[in-house]
Every structure is written in structure tokens, then in C-alpha cells.
């Protein structure tokens, strides 16, 4: 029973780490795309003048 309890405990930790890491990656990609779009828009606006 101790092995199963320890295994489940580490499995829950692994799931938590994967969720936190995945969320961080998703947010990072989303924020970077927004920043790139803003920079391209400002550059296009600057080139038009």
C-alpha cells in the first residue's frame, strides 16, 4: 500500500508540474505573438509616413 500511495503522490506532482509548465508556455507564446503584432503594426505605420 505504501508503494501505491507514493506512486500516486508523485503522479499528482507530475500532473501539477505539467499543467503549470503548459500554462506558462501558452501564456508566453500568446504574449510574444501580441508583442510581435504590435511591433509590426508600429513599423508599418512608421514606414507609411
C-alpha atoms as a PDB file:
ATOM      1  CA  UNK A   1       0.000   0.000   0.000  1.00  0.00           C
ATOM      2  CA  UNK A   2       2.904   2.365   0.705  1.00  0.00           C
ATOM      3  CA  UNK A   3       4.264   1.961  -2.823  1.00  0.00           C
ATOM      4  CA  UNK A   4       0.907   2.770  -4.402  1.00  0.00           C
ATOM      5  CA  UNK A   5       0.468   5.807  -2.149  1.00  0.00           C
ATOM      6  CA  UNK A   6       3.936   7.113  -3.031  1.00  0.00           C
ATOM      7  CA  UNK A   7       3.374   6.451  -6.727  1.00  0.00           C
ATOM      8  CA  UNK A   8       0.078   8.350  -6.735  1.00  0.00           C
ATOM      9  CA  UNK A   9       1.692  11.212  -4.832  1.00  0.00           C
ATOM     10  CA  UNK A  10       4.448  11.581  -7.430  1.00  0.00           C
ATOM     11  CA  UNK A  11       1.926  11.198 -10.240  1.00  0.00           C
ATOM     12  CA  UNK A  12      -0.143  14.085  -8.859  1.00  0.00           C
ATOM     13  CA  UNK A  13       3.031  16.202  -8.574  1.00  0.00           C
ATOM     14  CA  UNK A  14       3.944  15.381 -12.161  1.00  0.00           C
ATOM     15  CA  UNK A  15       0.483  16.392 -13.375  1.00  0.00           C
ATOM     16  CA  UNK A  16       0.711  19.686 -11.470  1.00  0.00           C
ATOM     17  CA  UNK A  17       4.132  20.461 -12.969  1.00  0.00           C
ATOM     18  CA  UNK A  18       2.897  19.648 -16.473  1.00  0.00           C
ATOM     19  CA  UNK A  19      -0.159  21.893 -16.073  1.00  0.00           C
ATOM     20  CA  UNK A  20       1.888  24.796 -14.682  1.00  0.00           C
ATOM     21  CA  UNK A  21       4.539  24.394 -17.384  1.00  0.00           C
ATOM     22  CA  UNK A  22       1.967  24.128 -20.160  1.00  0.00           C
ATOM     23  CA  UNK A  23       0.166  27.215 -18.906  1.00  0.00           C
ATOM     24  CA  UNK A  24       3.429  29.158 -18.819  1.00  0.00           C
ATOM     25  CA  UNK A  25       4.344  28.108 -22.336  1.00  0.00           C
ATOM     26  CA  UNK A  26       0.877  29.001 -23.639  1.00  0.00           C
ATOM     27  CA  UNK A  27       0.950  32.428 -21.981  1.00  0.00           C
ATOM     28  CA  UNK A  28       4.478  33.097 -23.210  1.00  0.00           C
ATOM     29  CA  UNK A  29       3.597  32.268 -26.812  1.00  0.00           C
ATOM     30  CA  UNK A  30       0.402  34.327 -26.657  1.00  0.00           C
ATOM     31  CA  UNK A  31       2.134  37.377 -25.189  1.00  0.00           C
ATOM     32  CA  UNK A  32       5.015  37.136 -27.676  1.00  0.00           C
ATOM     33  CA  UNK A  33       2.611  36.956 -30.641  1.00  0.00           C
ATOM     34  CA  UNK A  34       0.817  40.043 -29.351  1.00  0.00           C
ATOM     35  CA  UNK A  35       4.071  41.937 -28.925  1.00  0.00           C
ATOM     36  CA  UNK A  36       5.220  40.931 -32.411  1.00  0.00           C
ATOM     37  CA  UNK A  37       1.918  42.034 -33.963  1.00  0.00           C
ATOM     38  CA  UNK A  38       2.133  45.379 -32.166  1.00  0.00           C
ATOM     39  CA  UNK A  39       5.730  45.910 -33.324  1.00  0.00           C
ATOM     40  CA  UNK A  40       4.824  45.065 -36.926  1.00  0.00           C
ATOM     41  CA  UNK A  41       1.868  47.453 -36.807  1.00  0.00           C
ATOM     42  CA  UNK A  42       4.063  50.278 -35.452  1.00  0.00           C
ATOM     43  CA  UNK A  43       6.748  49.569 -38.046  1.00  0.00           C
ATOM     44  CA  UNK A  44       4.197  49.594 -40.882  1.00  0.00           C
ATOM     45  CA  UNK A  45       2.766  52.841 -39.544  1.00  0.00           C
ATOM     46  CA  UNK A  46       6.258  54.340 -39.347  1.00  0.00           C
ATOM     47  CA  UNK A  47       7.139  53.249 -42.891  1.00  0.00           C
ATOM     48  CA  UNK A  48       3.985  54.844 -44.301  1.00  0.00           C
ATOM     49  CA  UNK A  49       4.983  58.285 -43.065  1.00  0.00           C
END
